[in-house]
Amino acid sequence: MEKLPVLYIGNKNYSSWSLRAWLGLKVAGIAFDEKLVPLLSEEWHAKAPVFSPTAKVPAYFDGQKTIWEALGILEYIADSRPDTMLWPLDMDVRAVARSVSLEMHGGFGPLRSHMPMNCRKSLPGRGRAPDVEKDIARITEIFKMCRTQFGQGGDFLFGHFSIADAMFAPVVSRFKTYDVTLDPIGNAYMETILALPEMKDWYDAAGAEEWVMDNVELD
């Protein structure tokens, strides 16, 4: 039997980048073996430099090559499996989807710092620093722009599920944890992401994890 590709991920409760790759692959119907290595554990320090050239997750090994970075992994799947429809078909729309995905990849530092991903917690009102409010406002604009201009074919940012949705899924998770409310369009979109069966599976697994990382836990 042919071996499946392997996706290396970190703790589901905390690892936002793991969620991006994992969710994109799952929704796209890509079969893979999942290897979870607890972040910053002894196992992590021993194995991460072996399975990833950056010693970070996610990393995807297809039996011949390793691809790292969530966006790189999903771009590879979009190119090698165009039937997954992970990017919009229209070139102009695809350019916008790539732009917002890259904005998410490289931006929103205050949101990441003040609202760390934690699927198990409910922390309403925490982390609302001024720079975080600016990030929330910009994300609200992105959701509204994508949904109103490009999302008529479905309930996701560009109609059908795309890499852009995978990139913003951890933000939706953060907004759930910290009880961030957007405008009606943004709130409806967040409900769509949280209602995905794959997203529910991730949350169930995160809730069952025993590991606690004190350095990213907010009381």
N, C-alpha and C. Protein backbone atom coordinates (compact mmCIF):
# COMPACT_ATOMS: atom_id res chain seq x y z
N MET A 1 0.84 -1.19 0.00
CA MET A 1 0.00 0.00 0.00
C MET A 1 0.89 1.26 0.00
N GLU A 2 0.54 2.20 -0.86
CA GLU A 2 1.31 3.44 -0.95
C GLU A 2 1.15 4.27 0.32
N LYS A 3 2.26 4.77 0.81
CA LYS A 3 2.21 5.58 2.03
C LYS A 3 1.62 6.94 1.73
N LEU A 4 0.85 7.43 2.70
CA LEU A 4 0.27 8.76 2.57
C LEU A 4 1.30 9.82 2.93
N PRO A 5 1.12 11.03 2.40
CA PRO A 5 1.96 12.14 2.87
C PRO A 5 1.75 12.34 4.37
N VAL A 6 2.72 12.97 5.00
CA VAL A 6 2.66 13.22 6.43
C VAL A 6 2.62 14.72 6.67
N LEU A 7 1.68 15.15 7.50
CA LEU A 7 1.62 16.55 7.93
C LEU A 7 2.02 16.59 9.40
N TYR A 8 3.12 17.26 9.68
CA TYR A 8 3.58 17.45 11.05
C TYR A 8 2.97 18.73 11.61
N ILE A 9 2.35 18.60 12.78
CA ILE A 9 1.69 19.74 13.39
C ILE A 9 2.06 19.81 14.87
N GLY A 10 1.73 20.96 15.49
CA GLY A 10 1.89 21.12 16.92
C GLY A 10 0.56 20.96 17.63
N ASN A 11 0.53 21.32 18.90
CA ASN A 11 -0.68 21.19 19.72
C ASN A 11 -1.86 21.89 19.04
N LYS A 12 -2.99 21.21 18.96
CA LYS A 12 -4.14 21.80 18.30
C LYS A 12 -4.74 22.96 19.10
N ASN A 13 -4.51 22.97 20.40
CA ASN A 13 -5.05 24.07 21.19
C ASN A 13 -4.34 25.38 20.89
N TYR A 14 -3.08 25.33 20.53
CA TYR A 14 -2.27 26.55 20.43
C TYR A 14 -1.74 26.86 19.03
N SER A 15 -1.57 25.86 18.19
CA SER A 15 -0.79 26.04 16.96
C SER A 15 -1.65 26.56 15.80
N SER A 16 -1.68 27.87 15.66
CA SER A 16 -2.49 28.49 14.61
C SER A 16 -1.99 28.14 13.22
N TRP A 17 -0.68 28.07 13.05
CA TRP A 17 -0.16 27.75 11.72
C TRP A 17 -0.45 26.31 11.35
N SER A 18 -0.43 25.42 12.31
CA SER A 18 -0.81 24.03 12.04
C SER A 18 -2.26 23.95 11.58
N LEU A 19 -3.13 24.73 12.24
CA LEU A 19 -4.54 24.73 11.86
C LEU A 19 -4.72 25.15 10.41
N ARG A 20 -3.99 26.14 9.97
CA ARG A 20 -4.14 26.62 8.60
C ARG A 20 -3.90 25.51 7.59
N ALA A 21 -2.77 24.83 7.71
CA ALA A 21 -2.46 23.77 6.75
C ALA A 21 -3.41 22.59 6.91
N TRP A 22 -3.64 22.17 8.14
CA TRP A 22 -4.49 21.01 8.42
C TRP A 22 -5.90 21.23 7.87
N LEU A 23 -6.48 22.40 8.16
CA LEU A 23 -7.85 22.66 7.72
C LEU A 23 -7.94 22.73 6.21
N GLY A 24 -6.97 23.40 5.58
CA GLY A 24 -6.98 23.48 4.13
C GLY A 24 -6.92 22.12 3.48
N LEU A 25 -6.04 21.26 3.97
CA LEU A 25 -5.92 19.91 3.41
C LEU A 25 -7.20 19.10 3.65
N LYS A 26 -7.74 19.20 4.84
CA LYS A 26 -8.94 18.42 5.18
C LYS A 26 -10.13 18.83 4.31
N VAL A 27 -10.38 20.13 4.21
CA VAL A 27 -11.53 20.59 3.43
C VAL A 27 -11.34 20.27 1.95
N ALA A 28 -10.09 20.29 1.50
CA ALA A 28 -9.80 19.98 0.10
C ALA A 28 -9.89 18.49 -0.20
N GLY A 29 -10.02 17.66 0.83
CA GLY A 29 -10.13 16.22 0.63
C GLY A 29 -8.81 15.53 0.38
N ILE A 30 -7.72 16.12 0.84
CA ILE A 30 -6.39 15.52 0.66
C ILE A 30 -6.14 14.53 1.81
N ALA A 31 -5.83 13.30 1.46
CA ALA A 31 -5.54 12.28 2.47
C ALA A 31 -4.11 12.45 2.97
N PHE A 32 -3.92 12.37 4.28
CA PHE A 32 -2.58 12.47 4.84
C PHE A 32 -2.57 11.84 6.23
N ASP A 33 -1.37 11.47 6.65
CA ASP A 33 -1.17 11.03 8.02
C ASP A 33 -0.78 12.24 8.86
N GLU A 34 -1.34 12.33 10.02
CA GLU A 34 -1.10 13.46 10.92
C GLU A 34 -0.12 13.04 12.01
N LYS A 35 0.93 13.81 12.17
CA LYS A 35 1.91 13.55 13.22
C LYS A 35 1.98 14.78 14.12
N LEU A 36 1.43 14.65 15.32
CA LEU A 36 1.43 15.77 16.25
C LEU A 36 2.61 15.63 17.21
N VAL A 37 3.42 16.67 17.28
CA VAL A 37 4.56 16.71 18.19
C VAL A 37 4.34 17.88 19.14
N PRO A 38 4.18 17.62 20.44
CA PRO A 38 3.88 18.70 21.39
C PRO A 38 4.93 19.81 21.34
N LEU A 39 4.46 21.03 21.21
CA LEU A 39 5.35 22.17 21.06
C LEU A 39 6.30 22.31 22.26
N LEU A 40 7.57 22.54 21.95
CA LEU A 40 8.60 22.85 22.93
C LEU A 40 8.84 21.75 23.97
N SER A 41 8.36 20.54 23.69
CA SER A 41 8.62 19.40 24.56
C SER A 41 9.98 18.82 24.21
N GLU A 42 10.43 17.83 25.00
CA GLU A 42 11.68 17.15 24.68
C GLU A 42 11.58 16.48 23.31
N GLU A 43 10.42 15.90 23.03
CA GLU A 43 10.21 15.28 21.73
C GLU A 43 10.32 16.33 20.62
N TRP A 44 9.75 17.51 20.87
CA TRP A 44 9.81 18.59 19.89
C TRP A 44 11.25 18.97 19.57
N HIS A 45 12.04 19.21 20.61
CA HIS A 45 13.42 19.64 20.41
C HIS A 45 14.23 18.58 19.68
N ALA A 46 13.87 17.31 19.87
CA ALA A 46 14.59 16.23 19.20
C ALA A 46 14.14 16.05 17.75
N LYS A 47 12.86 16.18 17.49
CA LYS A 47 12.32 15.82 16.18
C LYS A 47 12.13 16.99 15.22
N ALA A 48 11.80 18.17 15.74
CA ALA A 48 11.45 19.29 14.85
C ALA A 48 12.55 19.62 13.84
N PRO A 49 13.83 19.64 14.25
CA PRO A 49 14.86 19.94 13.25
C PRO A 49 14.99 18.87 12.18
N VAL A 50 14.44 17.68 12.44
CA VAL A 50 14.52 16.57 11.49
C VAL A 50 13.41 16.67 10.46
N PHE A 51 12.18 16.93 10.91
CA PHE A 51 11.06 16.93 9.97
C PHE A 51 10.83 18.28 9.30
N SER A 52 11.47 19.34 9.79
CA SER A 52 11.27 20.66 9.20
C SER A 52 12.60 21.41 9.13
N PRO A 53 12.94 22.01 8.00
CA PRO A 53 14.20 22.74 7.91
C PRO A 53 14.24 23.98 8.79
N THR A 54 13.08 24.47 9.20
CA THR A 54 13.02 25.63 10.09
C THR A 54 12.76 25.23 11.53
N ALA A 55 12.59 23.95 11.79
CA ALA A 55 12.22 23.43 13.12
C ALA A 55 10.92 24.06 13.60
N LYS A 56 10.00 24.25 12.67
CA LYS A 56 8.69 24.80 12.98
C LYS A 56 7.62 23.96 12.30
N VAL A 57 6.39 24.14 12.74
CA VAL A 57 5.25 23.48 12.10
C VAL A 57 4.38 24.56 11.44
N PRO A 58 3.62 24.11 10.42
CA PRO A 58 3.50 22.75 9.89
C PRO A 58 4.61 22.44 8.89
N ALA A 59 4.80 21.16 8.66
CA ALA A 59 5.68 20.67 7.61
C ALA A 59 5.00 19.49 6.94
N TYR A 60 5.12 19.39 5.64
CA TYR A 60 4.41 18.38 4.86
C TYR A 60 5.43 17.57 4.06
N PHE A 61 5.46 16.26 4.31
CA PHE A 61 6.40 15.38 3.62
C PHE A 61 5.61 14.42 2.74
N ASP A 62 5.85 14.48 1.45
CA ASP A 62 5.07 13.66 0.52
C ASP A 62 5.78 12.36 0.12
N GLY A 63 6.85 12.02 0.84
CA GLY A 63 7.61 10.82 0.52
C GLY A 63 8.88 11.11 -0.24
N GLN A 64 8.94 12.28 -0.87
CA GLN A 64 10.14 12.66 -1.62
C GLN A 64 10.69 14.01 -1.18
N LYS A 65 9.82 14.92 -0.83
CA LYS A 65 10.26 16.26 -0.47
C LYS A 65 9.45 16.79 0.70
N THR A 66 10.05 17.74 1.39
CA THR A 66 9.39 18.41 2.50
C THR A 66 9.01 19.82 2.08
N ILE A 67 7.79 20.20 2.39
CA ILE A 67 7.32 21.56 2.14
C ILE A 67 6.95 22.14 3.50
N TRP A 68 7.41 23.33 3.77
CA TRP A 68 7.13 23.94 5.07
C TRP A 68 6.42 25.27 4.85
N GLU A 69 5.90 25.82 5.93
CA GLU A 69 5.06 27.02 5.94
C GLU A 69 3.67 26.67 5.42
N ALA A 70 2.66 27.06 6.19
CA ALA A 70 1.28 26.70 5.86
C ALA A 70 0.89 27.17 4.46
N LEU A 71 1.23 28.41 4.14
CA LEU A 71 0.86 28.94 2.83
C LEU A 71 1.59 28.19 1.71
N GLY A 72 2.85 27.85 1.93
CA GLY A 72 3.59 27.08 0.93
C GLY A 72 2.98 25.71 0.71
N ILE A 73 2.55 25.07 1.78
CA ILE A 73 1.92 23.75 1.67
C ILE A 73 0.63 23.84 0.86
N LEU A 74 -0.19 24.81 1.19
CA LEU A 74 -1.49 24.92 0.51
C LEU A 74 -1.32 25.38 -0.94
N GLU A 75 -0.34 26.23 -1.20
CA GLU A 75 -0.04 26.62 -2.59
C GLU A 75 0.38 25.38 -3.39
N TYR A 76 1.18 24.53 -2.79
CA TYR A 76 1.62 23.32 -3.48
C TYR A 76 0.43 22.43 -3.84
N ILE A 77 -0.48 22.27 -2.91
CA ILE A 77 -1.67 21.46 -3.18
C ILE A 77 -2.52 22.11 -4.26
N ALA A 78 -2.68 23.42 -4.20
CA ALA A 78 -3.47 24.13 -5.21
C ALA A 78 -2.86 23.94 -6.60
N ASP A 79 -1.53 23.95 -6.70
CA ASP A 79 -0.87 23.78 -7.98
C ASP A 79 -0.91 22.34 -8.47
N SER A 80 -0.67 21.40 -7.56
CA SER A 80 -0.57 19.99 -7.96
C SER A 80 -1.94 19.32 -8.07
N ARG A 81 -2.92 19.87 -7.38
CA ARG A 81 -4.28 19.32 -7.41
C ARG A 81 -5.28 20.43 -7.69
N PRO A 82 -5.31 20.93 -8.93
CA PRO A 82 -6.24 22.04 -9.23
C PRO A 82 -7.70 21.69 -9.02
N ASP A 83 -8.00 20.38 -8.99
CA ASP A 83 -9.38 19.97 -8.75
C ASP A 83 -9.86 20.34 -7.35
N THR A 84 -8.93 20.63 -6.45
CA THR A 84 -9.33 21.02 -5.09
C THR A 84 -9.93 22.42 -5.04
N MET A 85 -9.70 23.21 -6.06
CA MET A 85 -10.26 24.57 -6.14
C MET A 85 -9.84 25.42 -4.93
N LEU A 86 -8.60 25.28 -4.51
CA LEU A 86 -8.15 26.04 -3.34
C LEU A 86 -7.88 27.50 -3.65
N TRP A 87 -7.78 27.86 -4.92
CA TRP A 87 -7.76 29.26 -5.33
C TRP A 87 -8.92 29.52 -6.28
N PRO A 88 -9.46 30.74 -6.28
CA PRO A 88 -10.47 31.08 -7.29
C PRO A 88 -9.92 30.90 -8.70
N LEU A 89 -10.76 30.51 -9.62
CA LEU A 89 -10.31 30.27 -10.99
C LEU A 89 -9.99 31.56 -11.72
N ASP A 90 -10.77 32.59 -11.50
CA ASP A 90 -10.55 33.87 -12.17
C ASP A 90 -9.23 34.48 -11.70
N MET A 91 -8.37 34.88 -12.65
CA MET A 91 -7.04 35.38 -12.31
C MET A 91 -7.10 36.63 -11.44
N ASP A 92 -8.02 37.54 -11.74
CA ASP A 92 -8.11 38.78 -10.97
C ASP A 92 -8.60 38.51 -9.55
N VAL A 93 -9.58 37.63 -9.43
CA VAL A 93 -10.08 37.28 -8.10
C VAL A 93 -9.01 36.52 -7.32
N ARG A 94 -8.30 35.64 -8.03
CA ARG A 94 -7.23 34.89 -7.38
C ARG A 94 -6.15 35.82 -6.84
N ALA A 95 -5.87 36.90 -7.56
CA ALA A 95 -4.88 37.86 -7.09
C ALA A 95 -5.31 38.51 -5.79
N VAL A 96 -6.59 38.80 -5.66
CA VAL A 96 -7.10 39.38 -4.41
C VAL A 96 -7.03 38.35 -3.29
N ALA A 97 -7.40 37.11 -3.59
CA ALA A 97 -7.34 36.05 -2.58
C ALA A 97 -5.91 35.85 -2.09
N ARG A 98 -4.95 35.90 -3.00
CA ARG A 98 -3.55 35.78 -2.60
C ARG A 98 -3.13 36.98 -1.76
N SER A 99 -3.60 38.16 -2.14
CA SER A 99 -3.21 39.37 -1.41
C SER A 99 -3.67 39.32 0.04
N VAL A 100 -4.93 38.95 0.27
CA VAL A 100 -5.41 38.92 1.65
C VAL A 100 -4.77 37.77 2.42
N SER A 101 -4.45 36.68 1.73
CA SER A 101 -3.77 35.56 2.40
C SER A 101 -2.37 35.97 2.83
N LEU A 102 -1.66 36.68 1.97
CA LEU A 102 -0.32 37.14 2.31
C LEU A 102 -0.36 38.23 3.38
N GLU A 103 -1.39 39.07 3.33
CA GLU A 103 -1.54 40.06 4.40
C GLU A 103 -1.70 39.37 5.75
N MET A 104 -2.46 38.29 5.77
CA MET A 104 -2.63 37.53 7.00
C MET A 104 -1.32 36.86 7.39
N HIS A 105 -0.60 36.33 6.42
CA HIS A 105 0.65 35.63 6.70
C HIS A 105 1.68 36.54 7.35
N GLY A 106 1.77 37.77 6.87
CA GLY A 106 2.83 38.65 7.34
C GLY A 106 2.42 39.74 8.30
N GLY A 107 1.13 39.86 8.58
CA GLY A 107 0.66 40.99 9.36
C GLY A 107 -0.04 40.64 10.65
N PHE A 108 -0.68 41.64 11.21
CA PHE A 108 -1.52 41.49 12.41
C PHE A 108 -0.73 41.00 13.62
N GLY A 109 0.48 41.53 13.76
CA GLY A 109 1.33 41.16 14.89
C GLY A 109 0.71 41.45 16.25
N PRO A 110 0.11 42.63 16.46
CA PRO A 110 -0.50 42.90 17.76
C PRO A 110 -1.59 41.91 18.13
N LEU A 111 -2.42 41.54 17.15
CA LEU A 111 -3.47 40.55 17.42
C LEU A 111 -2.85 39.22 17.83
N ARG A 112 -1.83 38.79 17.13
CA ARG A 112 -1.18 37.53 17.46
C ARG A 112 -0.60 37.56 18.88
N SER A 113 0.01 38.70 19.23
CA SER A 113 0.69 38.80 20.52
C SER A 113 -0.28 38.89 21.69
N HIS A 114 -1.31 39.70 21.54
CA HIS A 114 -2.22 39.97 22.66
C HIS A 114 -3.38 38.98 22.75
N MET A 115 -3.63 38.27 21.65
CA MET A 115 -4.72 37.29 21.64
C MET A 115 -4.20 35.95 21.12
N PRO A 116 -3.32 35.28 21.87
CA PRO A 116 -2.79 34.00 21.40
C PRO A 116 -3.91 32.97 21.23
N MET A 117 -3.73 32.10 20.27
CA MET A 117 -4.76 31.09 20.00
C MET A 117 -4.87 30.14 21.19
N ASN A 118 -6.10 29.91 21.61
CA ASN A 118 -6.37 28.98 22.70
C ASN A 118 -7.81 28.51 22.54
N CYS A 119 -7.97 27.33 21.96
CA CYS A 119 -9.31 26.83 21.66
C CYS A 119 -10.10 26.44 22.90
N ARG A 120 -9.41 26.20 24.00
CA ARG A 120 -10.09 25.70 25.20
C ARG A 120 -10.62 26.81 26.09
N LYS A 121 -10.15 28.02 25.89
CA LYS A 121 -10.46 29.10 26.82
C LYS A 121 -11.58 30.01 26.29
N SER A 122 -12.25 30.69 27.22
CA SER A 122 -13.14 31.80 26.90
C SER A 122 -12.65 33.00 27.70
N LEU A 123 -12.15 34.02 26.99
CA LEU A 123 -11.51 35.16 27.65
C LEU A 123 -12.08 36.47 27.09
N PRO A 124 -13.37 36.70 27.29
CA PRO A 124 -13.99 37.91 26.72
C PRO A 124 -13.33 39.18 27.25
N GLY A 125 -13.05 40.07 26.33
CA GLY A 125 -12.52 41.37 26.71
C GLY A 125 -11.02 41.43 26.86
N ARG A 126 -10.34 40.29 26.90
CA ARG A 126 -8.89 40.29 27.07
C ARG A 126 -8.19 40.67 25.76
N GLY A 127 -7.03 41.31 25.90
CA GLY A 127 -6.19 41.57 24.74
C GLY A 127 -6.59 42.74 23.87
N ARG A 128 -7.52 43.58 24.33
CA ARG A 128 -8.04 44.64 23.46
C ARG A 128 -7.17 45.91 23.52
N ALA A 129 -5.90 45.77 23.19
CA ALA A 129 -4.99 46.90 23.11
C ALA A 129 -5.32 47.75 21.88
N PRO A 130 -4.92 49.05 21.87
CA PRO A 130 -5.25 49.90 20.72
C PRO A 130 -4.80 49.33 19.37
N ASP A 131 -3.60 48.79 19.30
CA ASP A 131 -3.14 48.23 18.04
C ASP A 131 -3.93 46.99 17.65
N VAL A 132 -4.42 46.26 18.63
CA VAL A 132 -5.27 45.11 18.35
C VAL A 132 -6.59 45.57 17.74
N GLU A 133 -7.13 46.66 18.26
CA GLU A 133 -8.38 47.20 17.71
C GLU A 133 -8.19 47.57 16.24
N LYS A 134 -7.01 48.10 15.89
CA LYS A 134 -6.73 48.42 14.49
C LYS A 134 -6.71 47.15 13.64
N ASP A 135 -6.12 46.10 14.17
CA ASP A 135 -6.10 44.82 13.45
C ASP A 135 -7.51 44.29 13.26
N ILE A 136 -8.32 44.36 14.31
CA ILE A 136 -9.70 43.88 14.21
C ILE A 136 -10.47 44.67 13.16
N ALA A 137 -10.27 45.98 13.13
CA ALA A 137 -10.96 46.82 12.15
C ALA A 137 -10.54 46.44 10.73
N ARG A 138 -9.25 46.20 10.53
CA ARG A 138 -8.78 45.84 9.19
C ARG A 138 -9.32 44.47 8.78
N ILE A 139 -9.34 43.52 9.68
CA ILE A 139 -9.88 42.20 9.36
C ILE A 139 -11.37 42.29 9.05
N THR A 140 -12.08 43.13 9.77
CA THR A 140 -13.50 43.35 9.47
C THR A 140 -13.67 43.86 8.05
N GLU A 141 -12.80 44.79 7.63
CA GLU A 141 -12.84 45.32 6.27
C GLU A 141 -12.58 44.21 5.25
N ILE A 142 -11.59 43.36 5.54
CA ILE A 142 -11.26 42.27 4.61
C ILE A 142 -12.45 41.32 4.45
N PHE A 143 -13.03 40.91 5.55
CA PHE A 143 -14.16 40.00 5.49
C PHE A 143 -15.31 40.63 4.68
N LYS A 144 -15.60 41.89 4.95
CA LYS A 144 -16.72 42.55 4.25
C LYS A 144 -16.41 42.69 2.77
N MET A 145 -15.22 43.13 2.42
CA MET A 145 -14.85 43.30 1.02
C MET A 145 -14.92 41.99 0.26
N CYS A 146 -14.33 40.94 0.81
CA CYS A 146 -14.32 39.65 0.12
C CYS A 146 -15.72 39.07 -0.02
N ARG A 147 -16.47 39.11 1.05
CA ARG A 147 -17.82 38.53 1.00
C ARG A 147 -18.74 39.30 0.05
N THR A 148 -18.69 40.62 0.05
CA THR A 148 -19.61 41.40 -0.78
C THR A 148 -19.19 41.46 -2.23
N GLN A 149 -17.89 41.47 -2.50
CA GLN A 149 -17.43 41.60 -3.87
C GLN A 149 -17.17 40.27 -4.57
N PHE A 150 -16.80 39.24 -3.81
CA PHE A 150 -16.36 37.99 -4.43
C PHE A 150 -17.03 36.73 -3.87
N GLY A 151 -17.88 36.87 -2.86
CA GLY A 151 -18.38 35.69 -2.16
C GLY A 151 -19.77 35.25 -2.53
N GLN A 152 -20.29 35.72 -3.68
CA GLN A 152 -21.68 35.42 -4.00
C GLN A 152 -21.94 33.94 -4.26
N GLY A 153 -20.89 33.18 -4.60
CA GLY A 153 -21.10 31.78 -4.96
C GLY A 153 -21.16 30.82 -3.79
N GLY A 154 -21.12 31.34 -2.57
CA GLY A 154 -21.15 30.47 -1.40
C GLY A 154 -21.03 31.29 -0.13
N ASP A 155 -20.63 30.65 0.95
CA ASP A 155 -20.60 31.31 2.26
C ASP A 155 -19.20 31.70 2.71
N PHE A 156 -18.20 31.46 1.85
CA PHE A 156 -16.82 31.74 2.25
C PHE A 156 -16.34 33.05 1.63
N LEU A 157 -15.10 33.42 1.91
CA LEU A 157 -14.61 34.73 1.48
C LEU A 157 -14.73 34.91 -0.03
N PHE A 158 -14.45 33.85 -0.79
CA PHE A 158 -14.52 33.92 -2.24
C PHE A 158 -15.55 32.94 -2.79
N GLY A 159 -16.61 32.76 -2.05
CA GLY A 159 -17.68 31.85 -2.44
C GLY A 159 -17.42 30.46 -1.92
N HIS A 160 -16.60 29.69 -2.63
CA HIS A 160 -16.25 28.35 -2.15
C HIS A 160 -15.03 28.46 -1.22
N PHE A 161 -14.79 27.43 -0.44
CA PHE A 161 -13.66 27.43 0.48
C PHE A 161 -12.36 27.56 -0.31
N SER A 162 -11.47 28.41 0.19
CA SER A 162 -10.19 28.62 -0.47
C SER A 162 -9.08 28.74 0.57
N ILE A 163 -7.86 28.90 0.07
CA ILE A 163 -6.72 29.09 0.96
C ILE A 163 -6.92 30.30 1.86
N ALA A 164 -7.58 31.33 1.34
CA ALA A 164 -7.83 32.51 2.16
C ALA A 164 -8.62 32.17 3.42
N ASP A 165 -9.58 31.29 3.31
CA ASP A 165 -10.36 30.88 4.48
C ASP A 165 -9.49 30.11 5.47
N ALA A 166 -8.62 29.25 4.95
CA ALA A 166 -7.71 28.52 5.84
C ALA A 166 -6.78 29.48 6.57
N MET A 167 -6.33 30.51 5.88
CA MET A 167 -5.42 31.47 6.50
C MET A 167 -6.09 32.26 7.61
N PHE A 168 -7.35 32.55 7.47
CA PHE A 168 -8.05 33.37 8.47
C PHE A 168 -8.77 32.53 9.53
N ALA A 169 -8.79 31.20 9.38
CA ALA A 169 -9.49 30.37 10.36
C ALA A 169 -8.97 30.56 11.78
N PRO A 170 -7.65 30.64 12.02
CA PRO A 170 -7.18 30.86 13.39
C PRO A 170 -7.59 32.23 13.95
N VAL A 171 -7.78 33.21 13.08
CA VAL A 171 -8.28 34.50 13.54
C VAL A 171 -9.71 34.35 14.03
N VAL A 172 -10.50 33.61 13.28
CA VAL A 172 -11.87 33.33 13.73
C VAL A 172 -11.85 32.64 15.08
N SER A 173 -10.93 31.69 15.25
CA SER A 173 -10.80 31.01 16.53
C SER A 173 -10.46 32.00 17.64
N ARG A 174 -9.54 32.89 17.38
CA ARG A 174 -9.18 33.90 18.37
C ARG A 174 -10.39 34.78 18.72
N PHE A 175 -11.12 35.19 17.71
CA PHE A 175 -12.28 36.05 17.96
C PHE A 175 -13.32 35.32 18.81
N LYS A 176 -13.43 34.01 18.61
CA LYS A 176 -14.34 33.23 19.45
C LYS A 176 -13.85 33.21 20.89
N THR A 177 -12.57 32.96 21.10
CA THR A 177 -11.99 32.89 22.44
C THR A 177 -12.14 34.21 23.19
N TYR A 178 -11.88 35.31 22.49
CA TYR A 178 -11.85 36.62 23.15
C TYR A 178 -13.15 37.40 22.94
N ASP A 179 -14.16 36.71 22.41
CA ASP A 179 -15.51 37.27 22.26
C ASP A 179 -15.49 38.58 21.48
N VAL A 180 -14.84 38.54 20.32
CA VAL A 180 -14.78 39.72 19.45
C VAL A 180 -15.96 39.67 18.49
N THR A 181 -16.76 40.71 18.49
CA THR A 181 -17.92 40.81 17.61
C THR A 181 -17.60 41.77 16.47
N LEU A 182 -17.93 41.37 15.26
CA LEU A 182 -17.70 42.20 14.08
C LEU A 182 -19.03 42.75 13.58
N ASP A 183 -19.09 43.16 12.32
CA ASP A 183 -20.35 43.58 11.74
C ASP A 183 -21.15 42.34 11.34
N PRO A 184 -22.40 42.50 10.90
CA PRO A 184 -23.20 41.31 10.55
C PRO A 184 -22.55 40.41 9.50
N ILE A 185 -21.88 40.99 8.52
CA ILE A 185 -21.24 40.18 7.49
C ILE A 185 -20.09 39.37 8.09
N GLY A 186 -19.27 40.02 8.89
CA GLY A 186 -18.16 39.32 9.53
C GLY A 186 -18.62 38.27 10.50
N ASN A 187 -19.66 38.56 11.27
CA ASN A 187 -20.17 37.58 12.23
C ASN A 187 -20.72 36.35 11.52
N ALA A 188 -21.43 36.56 10.41
CA ALA A 188 -21.97 35.43 9.65
C ALA A 188 -20.85 34.58 9.06
N TYR A 189 -19.82 35.25 8.59
CA TYR A 189 -18.68 34.50 8.04
C TYR A 189 -17.99 33.67 9.13
N MET A 190 -17.81 34.25 10.30
CA MET A 190 -17.19 33.50 11.39
C MET A 190 -18.02 32.28 11.76
N GLU A 191 -19.32 32.42 11.75
CA GLU A 191 -20.19 31.27 12.03
C GLU A 191 -19.99 30.17 10.99
N THR A 192 -19.79 30.58 9.73
CA THR A 192 -19.55 29.61 8.66
C THR A 192 -18.28 28.81 8.93
N ILE A 193 -17.22 29.49 9.31
CA ILE A 193 -15.95 28.80 9.58
C ILE A 193 -16.08 27.87 10.78
N LEU A 194 -16.68 28.37 11.85
CA LEU A 194 -16.80 27.56 13.07
C LEU A 194 -17.73 26.36 12.88
N ALA A 195 -18.64 26.45 11.90
CA ALA A 195 -19.57 25.35 11.66
C ALA A 195 -19.00 24.27 10.76
N LEU A 196 -17.84 24.50 10.16
CA LEU A 196 -17.23 23.46 9.33
C LEU A 196 -17.02 22.19 10.16
N PRO A 197 -17.40 21.03 9.65
CA PRO A 197 -17.16 19.78 10.40
C PRO A 197 -15.69 19.60 10.74
N GLU A 198 -14.81 19.99 9.83
CA GLU A 198 -13.38 19.86 10.08
C GLU A 198 -12.93 20.78 11.22
N MET A 199 -13.50 21.96 11.29
CA MET A 199 -13.17 22.89 12.37
C MET A 199 -13.66 22.33 13.70
N LYS A 200 -14.84 21.73 13.70
CA LYS A 200 -15.36 21.12 14.92
C LYS A 200 -14.47 19.96 15.37
N ASP A 201 -13.98 19.18 14.41
CA ASP A 201 -13.07 18.08 14.74
C ASP A 201 -11.79 18.62 15.40
N TRP A 202 -11.28 19.71 14.86
CA TRP A 202 -10.07 20.33 15.44
C TRP A 202 -10.34 20.76 16.87
N TYR A 203 -11.47 21.42 17.10
CA TYR A 203 -11.81 21.88 18.44
C TYR A 203 -11.97 20.71 19.41
N ASP A 204 -12.61 19.64 18.94
CA ASP A 204 -12.78 18.47 19.81
C ASP A 204 -11.42 17.91 20.22
N ALA A 205 -10.51 17.81 19.26
CA ALA A 205 -9.19 17.28 19.57
C ALA A 205 -8.42 18.22 20.48
N ALA A 206 -8.55 19.53 20.25
CA ALA A 206 -7.87 20.51 21.11
C ALA A 206 -8.38 20.40 22.54
N GLY A 207 -9.68 20.22 22.69
CA GLY A 207 -10.25 20.11 24.02
C GLY A 207 -9.82 18.87 24.77
N ALA A 208 -9.45 17.85 24.02
CA ALA A 208 -9.04 16.58 24.65
C ALA A 208 -7.55 16.55 24.98
N GLU A 209 -6.78 17.52 24.51
CA GLU A 209 -5.35 17.53 24.78
C GLU A 209 -5.06 17.79 26.25
N GLU A 210 -4.01 17.17 26.75
CA GLU A 210 -3.63 17.33 28.15
C GLU A 210 -2.52 18.36 28.34
N TRP A 211 -1.84 18.74 27.27
CA TRP A 211 -0.70 19.63 27.41
C TRP A 211 -1.16 21.06 27.71
N VAL A 212 -0.43 21.71 28.61
CA VAL A 212 -0.68 23.12 28.92
C VAL A 212 0.65 23.86 28.78
N MET A 213 0.61 24.95 28.00
CA MET A 213 1.80 25.77 27.78
C MET A 213 1.60 27.07 28.56
N ASP A 214 2.22 27.15 29.72
CA ASP A 214 2.00 28.29 30.60
C ASP A 214 2.42 29.61 29.98
N ASN A 215 3.39 29.57 29.08
CA ASN A 215 3.91 30.83 28.52
C ASN A 215 2.93 31.51 27.58
N VAL A 216 1.90 30.79 27.10
CA VAL A 216 0.91 31.41 26.22
C VAL A 216 -0.49 31.37 26.81
N GLU A 217 -0.61 30.92 28.04
CA GLU A 217 -1.91 30.88 28.69
C GLU A 217 -2.21 32.23 29.35
N LEU A 218 -3.40 32.75 29.12
CA LEU A 218 -3.86 33.96 29.78
C LEU A 218 -4.91 33.57 30.81
N ASP A 219 -4.76 34.02 32.03
CA ASP A 219 -5.73 33.69 33.08
C ASP A 219 -6.93 34.63 33.04
